PDB file of N, CA and C in Angstrom:
ATOM      1  N   MET A   1     -11.934 121.887  71.178  1.00  0.00           N
ATOM      2  CA  MET A   1     -12.929 122.481  71.242  1.00  0.00           C
ATOM      3  C   MET A   1     -13.908 122.218  72.656  1.00  0.00           C
ATOM      4  N   SER A   2     -14.072 122.853  73.405  1.00  0.00           N
ATOM      5  CA  SER A   2     -14.435 122.628  74.759  1.00  0.00           C
ATOM      6  C   SER A   2     -16.033 122.204  74.819  1.00  0.00           C
ATOM      7  N   LEU A   3     -16.355 121.107  75.251  1.00  0.00           N
ATOM      8  CA  LEU A   3     -18.240 121.179  75.367  1.00  0.00           C
ATOM      9  C   LEU A   3     -18.740 121.970  76.434  1.00  0.00           C
ATOM     10  N   ALA A   4     -18.102 122.705  77.452  1.00  0.00           N
ATOM     11  CA  ALA A   4     -18.542 123.570  78.572  1.00  0.00           C
ATOM     12  C   ALA A   4     -18.953 124.710  78.017  1.00  0.00           C
ATOM     13  N   PHE A   5     -18.229 125.143  76.980  1.00  0.00           N
ATOM     14  CA  PHE A   5     -19.165 126.421  76.433  1.00  0.00           C
ATOM     15  C   PHE A   5     -19.983 126.264  75.082  1.00  0.00           C
ATOM     16  N   GLU A   6     -20.487 125.013  74.977  1.00  0.00           N
ATOM     17  CA  GLU A   6     -21.455 124.794  73.682  1.00  0.00           C
ATOM     18  C   GLU A   6     -22.419 125.267  73.718  1.00  0.00           C
ATOM     19  N   ASN A   7     -23.024 125.446  75.141  1.00  0.00           N
ATOM     20  CA  ASN A   7     -24.821 125.830  75.047  1.00  0.00           C
ATOM     21  C   ASN A   7     -24.422 127.244  75.446  1.00  0.00           C
ATOM     22  N   GLY A   8     -24.389 128.114  74.905  1.00  0.00           N
ATOM     23  CA  GLY A   8     -24.503 129.663  75.344  1.00  0.00           C
ATOM     24  C   GLY A   8     -23.544 130.247  76.189  1.00  0.00           C
ATOM     25  N   PRO A   9     -23.863 131.150  76.596  1.00  0.00           N
ATOM     26  CA  PRO A   9     -22.706 131.826  77.680  1.00  0.00           C
ATOM     27  C   PRO A   9     -22.057 131.173  78.992  1.00  0.00           C
ATOM     28  N   TRP A  10     -21.011 131.222  79.281  1.00  0.00           N
ATOM     29  CA  TRP A  10     -20.579 130.854  80.419  1.00  0.00           C
ATOM     30  C   TRP A  10     -20.997 130.887  81.770  1.00  0.00           C
ATOM     31  N   LYS A  11     -21.091 130.421  82.756  1.00  0.00           N
ATOM     32  CA  LYS A  11     -21.817 130.916  84.140  1.00  0.00           C
ATOM     33  C   LYS A  11     -20.977 130.137  85.257  1.00  0.00           C
ATOM     34  N   PRO A  12     -20.172 131.105  85.908  1.00  0.00           N
ATOM     35  CA  PRO A  12     -19.447 129.655  87.160  1.00  0.00           C
ATOM     36  C   PRO A  12     -20.413 128.942  87.759  1.00  0.00           C
ATOM     37  N   GLU A  13     -20.075 127.882  88.014  1.00  0.00           N
ATOM     38  CA  GLU A  13     -20.623 126.806  88.699  1.00  0.00           C
ATOM     39  C   GLU A  13     -21.206 126.884  89.713  1.00  0.00           C
ATOM     40  N   LEU A  14     -20.693 128.045  90.731  1.00  0.00           N
ATOM     41  CA  LEU A  14     -21.503 128.311  91.651  1.00  0.00           C
ATOM     42  C   LEU A  14     -22.237 128.971  91.445  1.00  0.00           C
ATOM     43  N   ALA A  15     -22.452 130.138  90.641  1.00  0.00           N
ATOM     44  CA  ALA A  15     -23.640 130.598  90.469  1.00  0.00           C
ATOM     45  C   ALA A  15     -24.425 129.756  90.091  1.00  0.00           C
ATOM     46  N   LEU A  16     -24.818 128.724  89.942  1.00  0.00           N
ATOM     47  CA  LEU A  16     -25.809 128.071  89.786  1.00  0.00           C
ATOM     48  C   LEU A  16     -26.672 127.016  90.970  1.00  0.00           C
ATOM     49  N   VAL A  17     -25.848 127.537  92.026  1.00  0.00           N
ATOM     50  CA  VAL A  17     -26.675 127.059  93.192  1.00  0.00           C
ATOM     51  C   VAL A  17     -27.110 127.700  94.350  1.00  0.00           C
ATOM     52  N   ARG A  18     -28.164 127.447  94.995  1.00  0.00           N
ATOM     53  CA  ARG A  18     -28.824 128.567  95.890  1.00  0.00           C
ATOM     54  C   ARG A  18     -28.193 128.531  97.322  1.00  0.00           C
ATOM     55  N   ALA A  19     -27.655 127.152  97.855  1.00  0.00           N
ATOM     56  CA  ALA A  19     -26.981 127.016  99.018  1.00  0.00           C
ATOM     57  C   ALA A  19     -26.055 125.740  99.079  1.00  0.00           C
ATOM     58  N   ILE A  20     -25.579 125.717  99.873  1.00  0.00           N
ATOM     59  CA  ILE A  20     -24.241 124.565  99.799  1.00  0.00           C
ATOM     60  C   ILE A  20     -24.192 124.115 100.853  1.00  0.00           C
ATOM     61  N   ASP A  21     -24.322 122.798 101.772  1.00  0.00           N
ATOM     62  CA  ASP A  21     -24.359 121.802 102.886  1.00  0.00           C
ATOM     63  C   ASP A  21     -23.290 121.253 102.448  1.00  0.00           C
ATOM     64  N   ILE A  22     -22.292 121.540 104.172  1.00  0.00           N
ATOM     65  CA  ILE A  22     -21.336 121.464 104.295  1.00  0.00           C
ATOM     66  C   ILE A  22     -20.820 120.639 105.599  1.00  0.00           C
ATOM     67  N   ARG A  23     -20.361 119.434 105.164  1.00  0.00           N
ATOM     68  CA  ARG A  23     -19.939 118.333 106.464  1.00  0.00           C
ATOM     69  C   ARG A  23     -18.815 118.037 106.519  1.00  0.00           C
ATOM     70  N   CYS A  24     -18.495 118.092 107.702  1.00  0.00           N
ATOM     71  CA  CYS A  24     -17.272 117.257 107.996  1.00  0.00           C
ATOM     72  C   CYS A  24     -17.249 115.929 108.765  1.00  0.00           C
ATOM     73  N   GLU A  25     -16.427 115.107 107.783  1.00  0.00           N
ATOM     74  CA  GLU A  25     -16.457 114.026 108.064  1.00  0.00           C
ATOM     75  C   GLU A  25     -15.670 113.349 109.212  1.00  0.00           C
ATOM     76  N   ASP A  26     -14.961 113.978 109.816  1.00  0.00           N
ATOM     77  CA  ASP A  26     -14.101 113.858 111.215  1.00  0.00           C
ATOM     78  C   ASP A  26     -15.256 113.794 112.079  1.00  0.00           C
ATOM     79  N   CYS A  27     -15.670 115.010 112.516  1.00  0.00           N
ATOM     80  CA  CYS A  27     -16.529 115.427 113.567  1.00  0.00           C
ATOM     81  C   CYS A  27     -17.865 115.431 113.617  1.00  0.00           C
ATOM     82  N   GLY A  28     -18.287 115.200 112.267  1.00  0.00           N
ATOM     83  CA  GLY A  28     -19.760 115.282 112.143  1.00  0.00           C
ATOM     84  C   GLY A  28     -20.721 116.621 111.908  1.00  0.00           C
ATOM     85  N   ARG A  29     -19.525 117.501 112.327  1.00  0.00           N
ATOM     86  CA  ARG A  29     -20.569 118.934 112.038  1.00  0.00           C
ATOM     87  C   ARG A  29     -20.913 119.247 110.601  1.00  0.00           C
ATOM     88  N   THR A  30     -22.030 119.579 110.630  1.00  0.00           N
ATOM     89  CA  THR A  30     -22.361 120.574 109.283  1.00  0.00           C
ATOM     90  C   THR A  30     -23.029 122.012 109.370  1.00  0.00           C
ATOM     91  N   ARG A  31     -23.108 122.591 108.293  1.00  0.00           N
ATOM     92  CA  ARG A  31     -23.371 123.820 108.150  1.00  0.00           C
ATOM     93  C   ARG A  31     -23.721 124.299 106.756  1.00  0.00           C
ATOM     94  N   ARG A  32     -24.619 125.185 106.201  1.00  0.00           N
ATOM     95  CA  ARG A  32     -25.217 125.688 105.700  1.00  0.00           C
ATOM     96  C   ARG A  32     -24.552 127.027 104.885  1.00  0.00           C
ATOM     97  N   MET A  33     -23.924 126.710 103.688  1.00  0.00           N
ATOM     98  CA  MET A  33     -23.438 128.314 103.278  1.00  0.00           C
ATOM     99  C   MET A  33     -24.968 128.587 101.957  1.00  0.00           C
ATOM    100  N   GLN A  34     -25.074 129.965 102.752  1.00  0.00           N
ATOM    101  CA  GLN A  34     -26.056 130.797 101.732  1.00  0.00           C
ATOM    102  C   GLN A  34     -25.883 131.452 100.928  1.00  0.00           C
ATOM    103  N   ALA A  35     -26.766 132.058  99.748  1.00  0.00           N
ATOM    104  CA  ALA A  35     -26.526 132.423  98.337  1.00  0.00           C
ATOM    105  C   ALA A  35     -25.440 133.843  98.755  1.00  0.00           C
ATOM    106  N   PRO A  36     -25.547 134.679  99.935  1.00  0.00           N
ATOM    107  CA  PRO A  36     -24.575 135.829  99.980  1.00  0.00           C
ATOM    108  C   PRO A  36     -23.109 135.162  99.830  1.00  0.00           C
ATOM    109  N   ALA A  37     -22.988 134.442 100.612  1.00  0.00           N
ATOM    110  CA  ALA A  37     -21.537 133.822 100.978  1.00  0.00           C
ATOM    111  C   ALA A  37     -21.333 133.495  99.891  1.00  0.00           C
ATOM    112  N   ILE A  38     -22.094 132.537  99.190  1.00  0.00           N
ATOM    113  CA  ILE A  38     -21.625 132.007  97.803  1.00  0.00           C
ATOM    114  C   ILE A  38     -21.025 133.171  96.789  1.00  0.00           C
ATOM    115  N   ALA A  39     -21.921 134.337  96.555  1.00  0.00           N
ATOM    116  CA  ALA A  39     -21.661 135.320  95.687  1.00  0.00           C
ATOM    117  C   ALA A  39     -20.296 136.072  96.373  1.00  0.00           C
ATOM    118  N   ARG A  40     -20.029 135.894  97.480  1.00  0.00           N
ATOM    119  CA  ARG A  40     -18.838 136.468  97.880  1.00  0.00           C
ATOM    120  C   ARG A  40     -17.624 135.720  97.466  1.00  0.00           C
ATOM    121  N   HIS A  41     -17.573 134.430  97.544  1.00  0.00           N
ATOM    122  CA  HIS A  41     -16.571 133.566  96.948  1.00  0.00           C
ATOM    123  C   HIS A  41     -16.591 133.990  95.640  1.00  0.00           C
ATOM    124  N   VAL A  42     -17.627 133.960  94.683  1.00  0.00           N
ATOM    125  CA  VAL A  42     -17.410 133.957  93.263  1.00  0.00           C
ATOM    126  C   VAL A  42     -16.660 135.598  93.115  1.00  0.00           C
ATOM    127  N   SER A  43     -17.157 136.343  93.555  1.00  0.00           N
ATOM    128  CA  SER A  43     -16.623 138.126  93.125  1.00  0.00           C
ATOM    129  C   SER A  43     -15.082 137.877  93.886  1.00  0.00           C
ATOM    130  N   ALA A  44     -14.765 136.837  94.305  1.00  0.00           N
ATOM    131  CA  ALA A  44     -13.319 136.861  95.013  1.00  0.00           C
ATOM    132  C   ALA A  44     -12.416 135.852  93.850  1.00  0.00           C
ATOM    133  N   GLY A  45     -13.255 135.146  92.946  1.00  0.00           N
ATOM    134  CA  GLY A  45     -12.449 134.723  92.015  1.00  0.00           C
ATOM    135  C   GLY A  45     -12.893 133.214  92.150  1.00  0.00           C
ATOM    136  N   CYS A  46     -13.484 132.603  92.939  1.00  0.00           N
ATOM    137  CA  CYS A  46     -13.893 130.860  92.962  1.00  0.00           C
ATOM    138  C   CYS A  46     -14.945 130.551  92.422  1.00  0.00           C
ATOM    139  N   HIS A  47     -14.708 129.938  91.201  1.00  0.00           N
ATOM    140  CA  HIS A  47     -15.882 129.637  90.199  1.00  0.00           C
ATOM    141  C   HIS A  47     -16.462 128.396  90.502  1.00  0.00           C
ATOM    142  N   SER A  48     -15.644 127.338  91.344  1.00  0.00           N
ATOM    143  CA  SER A  48     -16.439 125.833  91.213  1.00  0.00           C
ATOM    144  C   SER A  48     -16.388 125.250  92.485  1.00  0.00           C
ATOM    145  N   LEU A  49     -16.765 124.055  92.899  1.00  0.00           N
ATOM    146  CA  LEU A  49     -16.960 123.391  93.781  1.00  0.00           C
ATOM    147  C   LEU A  49     -15.722 122.847  94.547  1.00  0.00           C
ATOM    148  N   ILE A  50     -14.822 122.405  93.284  1.00  0.00           N
ATOM    149  CA  ILE A  50     -13.590 121.922  93.994  1.00  0.00           C
ATOM    150  C   ILE A  50     -12.843 123.265  94.221  1.00  0.00           C
ATOM    151  N   GLY A  51     -12.724 124.255  93.724  1.00  0.00           N
ATOM    152  CA  GLY A  51     -12.129 125.784  94.405  1.00  0.00           C
ATOM    153  C   GLY A  51     -12.293 125.922  95.396  1.00  0.00           C
ATOM    154  N   LEU A  52     -13.902 125.838  95.934  1.00  0.00           N
ATOM    155  CA  LEU A  52     -14.267 126.342  97.041  1.00  0.00           C
ATOM    156  C   LEU A  52     -13.857 125.460  98.383  1.00  0.00           C
ATOM    157  N   HIS A  53     -14.162 123.911  98.028  1.00  0.00           N
ATOM    158  CA  HIS A  53     -13.726 123.083  98.687  1.00  0.00           C
ATOM    159  C   HIS A  53     -12.496 123.336  99.247  1.00  0.00           C
ATOM    160  N   ASP A  54     -11.181 123.741  98.285  1.00  0.00           N
ATOM    161  CA  ASP A  54      -9.779 123.756  98.778  1.00  0.00           C
ATOM    162  C   ASP A  54      -9.672 124.930  99.673  1.00  0.00           C
ATOM    163  N   LYS A  55     -10.679 125.903  99.823  1.00  0.00           N
ATOM    164  CA  LYS A  55     -10.736 126.982 100.764  1.00  0.00           C
ATOM    165  C   LYS A  55     -11.540 127.287 102.214  1.00  0.00           C
ATOM    166  N   LEU A  56     -12.389 125.821 102.067  1.00  0.00           N
ATOM    167  CA  LEU A  56     -12.943 125.926 103.384  1.00  0.00           C
ATOM    168  C   LEU A  56     -12.100 124.696 104.310  1.00  0.00           C
ATOM    169  N   TYR A  57     -12.183 124.613 105.677  1.00  0.00           N
ATOM    170  CA  TYR A  57     -11.864 123.869 106.379  1.00  0.00           C
ATOM    171  C   TYR A  57     -13.002 124.111 107.802  1.00  0.00           C
ATOM    172  N   CYS A  58     -13.142 122.520 108.755  1.00  0.00           N
ATOM    173  CA  CYS A  58     -13.761 123.107 109.716  1.00  0.00           C
ATOM    174  C   CYS A  58     -13.311 123.357 111.057  1.00  0.00           C
ATOM    175  N   ALA A  59     -13.503 124.490 111.191  1.00  0.00           N
ATOM    176  CA  ALA A  59     -13.062 125.305 112.555  1.00  0.00           C
ATOM    177  C   ALA A  59     -12.358 124.477 113.773  1.00  0.00           C
ATOM    178  N   VAL A  60     -14.029 123.596 113.926  1.00  0.00           N
ATOM    179  CA  VAL A  60     -13.618 123.192 115.223  1.00  0.00           C
ATOM    180  C   VAL A  60     -12.739 121.492 115.380  1.00  0.00           C
ATOM    181  N   CYS A  61     -12.324 121.284 114.369  1.00  0.00           N
ATOM    182  CA  CYS A  61     -11.251 120.022 113.955  1.00  0.00           C
ATOM    183  C   CYS A  61      -9.972 121.087 114.153  1.00  0.00           C
ATOM    184  N   ARG A  62      -9.715 122.078 113.541  1.00  0.00           N
ATOM    185  CA  ARG A  62      -8.560 122.899 114.028  1.00  0.00           C
ATOM    186  C   ARG A  62      -8.493 123.277 115.039  1.00  0.00           C
ATOM    187  N   GLU A  63      -9.229 123.682 115.669  1.00  0.00           N
ATOM    188  CA  GLU A  63      -8.899 124.073 117.106  1.00  0.00           C
ATOM    189  C   GLU A  63      -8.474 122.696 118.217  1.00  0.00           C
ATOM    190  N   ARG A  64      -9.188 121.659 117.240  1.00  0.00           N
ATOM    191  CA  ARG A  64      -8.755 120.149 118.143  1.00  0.00           C
ATOM    192  C   ARG A  64      -6.942 119.686 117.766  1.00  0.00           C
ATOM    193  N   GLY A  65      -6.869 120.607 116.662  1.00  0.00           N
ATOM    194  CA  GLY A  65      -5.347 120.415 116.404  1.00  0.00           C
ATOM    195  C   GLY A  65      -5.097 119.660 115.161  1.00  0.00           C
ATOM    196  N   GLY A  66      -6.227 119.203 114.668  1.00  0.00           N
ATOM    197  CA  GLY A  66      -6.428 118.789 112.708  1.00  0.00           C
ATOM    198  C   GLY A  66      -6.325 119.793 111.670  1.00  0.00           C
ATOM    199  N   LEU A  67      -6.399 118.803 110.711  1.00  0.00           N
ATOM    200  CA  LEU A  67      -6.359 119.694 109.653  1.00  0.00           C
ATOM    201  C   LEU A  67      -7.352 120.624 109.221  1.00  0.00           C
ATOM    202  N   GLY A  68      -8.965 119.791 109.845  1.00  0.00           N
ATOM    203  CA  GLY A  68      -9.576 119.934 109.261  1.00  0.00           C
ATOM    204  C   GLY A  68     -10.419 120.235 108.200  1.00  0.00           C
ATOM    205  N   LYS A  69      -9.730 119.288 106.852  1.00  0.00           N
ATOM    206  CA  LYS A  69      -9.752 119.335 105.314  1.00  0.00           C
ATOM    207  C   LYS A  69     -10.619 118.069 104.928  1.00  0.00           C
ATOM    208  N   ASN A  70     -11.146 117.350 105.792  1.00  0.00           N
ATOM    209  CA  ASN A  70     -12.248 116.267 105.426  1.00  0.00           C
ATOM    210  C   ASN A  70     -13.868 117.026 105.336  1.00  0.00           C
ATOM    211  N   LEU A  71     -13.795 117.747 104.027  1.00  0.00           N
ATOM    212  CA  LEU A  71     -15.267 118.112 104.245  1.00  0.00           C
ATOM    213  C   LEU A  71     -15.811 117.271 103.066  1.00  0.00           C
ATOM    214  N   SER A  72     -17.056 117.447 103.088  1.00  0.00           N
ATOM    215  CA  SER A  72     -18.078 117.020 101.756  1.00  0.00           C
ATOM    216  C   SER A  72     -18.998 118.245 101.358  1.00  0.00           C
ATOM    217  N   LEU A  73     -19.270 118.592 100.357  1.00  0.00           N
ATOM    218  CA  LEU A  73     -19.729 119.719  99.576  1.00  0.00           C
ATOM    219  C   LEU A  73     -21.162 118.997  98.955  1.00  0.00           C
ATOM    220  N   PHE A  74     -22.261 119.393  99.422  1.00  0.00           N
ATOM    221  CA  PHE A  74     -23.446 119.144  98.590  1.00  0.00           C
ATOM    222  C   PHE A  74     -24.372 120.312  98.468  1.00  0.00           C
ATOM    223  N   PRO A  75     -24.290 120.404  96.675  1.00  0.00           N
ATOM    224  CA  PRO A  75     -25.004 121.584  96.369  1.00  0.00           C
ATOM    225  C   PRO A  75     -26.375 121.488  96.157  1.00  0.00           C
ATOM    226  N   ILE A  76     -26.758 122.586  96.494  1.00  0.00           N
ATOM    227  CA  ILE A  76     -28.281 122.519  96.320  1.00  0.00           C
ATOM    228  C   ILE A  76     -28.883 123.764  95.001  1.00  0.00           C
ATOM    229  N   ASP A  77     -29.333 123.022  94.130  1.00  0.00           N
ATOM    230  CA  ASP A  77     -29.498 123.735  93.053  1.00  0.00           C
ATOM    231  C   ASP A  77     -30.726 124.746  93.063  1.00  0.00           C
ATOM    232  N   ARG A  78     -30.636 126.130  92.160  1.00  0.00           N
ATOM    233  CA  ARG A  78     -31.844 126.787  92.258  1.00  0.00           C
ATOM    234  C   ARG A  78     -32.757 126.137  92.070  1.00  0.00           C
ATOM    235  N   GLY A  79     -33.308 125.532  91.124  1.00  0.00           N
ATOM    236  CA  GLY A  79     -34.324 124.994  90.492  1.00  0.00           C
ATOM    237  C   GLY A  79     -35.225 123.881  92.342  1.00  0.00           C
ATOM    238  N   SER A  80     -33.963 123.721  92.555  1.00  0.00           N
ATOM    239  CA  SER A  80     -34.831 122.507  93.269  1.00  0.00           C
ATOM    240  C   SER A  80     -35.713 123.393  94.684  1.00  0.00           C
ATOM    241  N   ALA A  81     -36.569 122.458  95.215  1.00  0.00           N
ATOM    242  CA  ALA A  81     -37.534 122.780  96.489  1.00  0.00           C
ATOM    243  C   ALA A  81     -36.659 122.907  97.929  1.00  0.00           C
TER     244      ALA A  81
END
């Protein structure tokens, strides 16, 4: 039995955050993904931060010829100010 389902109905991990700060560790660019953009990813089948991380890239680093995959994600919970 999985402990993930022990505390009631299951919710996607991304449904518990109101925004995600995204930072490229190569160029230093930062962006904030707001709730509507997160909801689009959840409706497309992406339910976790790890799954979302795999789909994101830094456009600036890609334009410069890099992979643009050295990103850090910082979730902001719905209950925090």
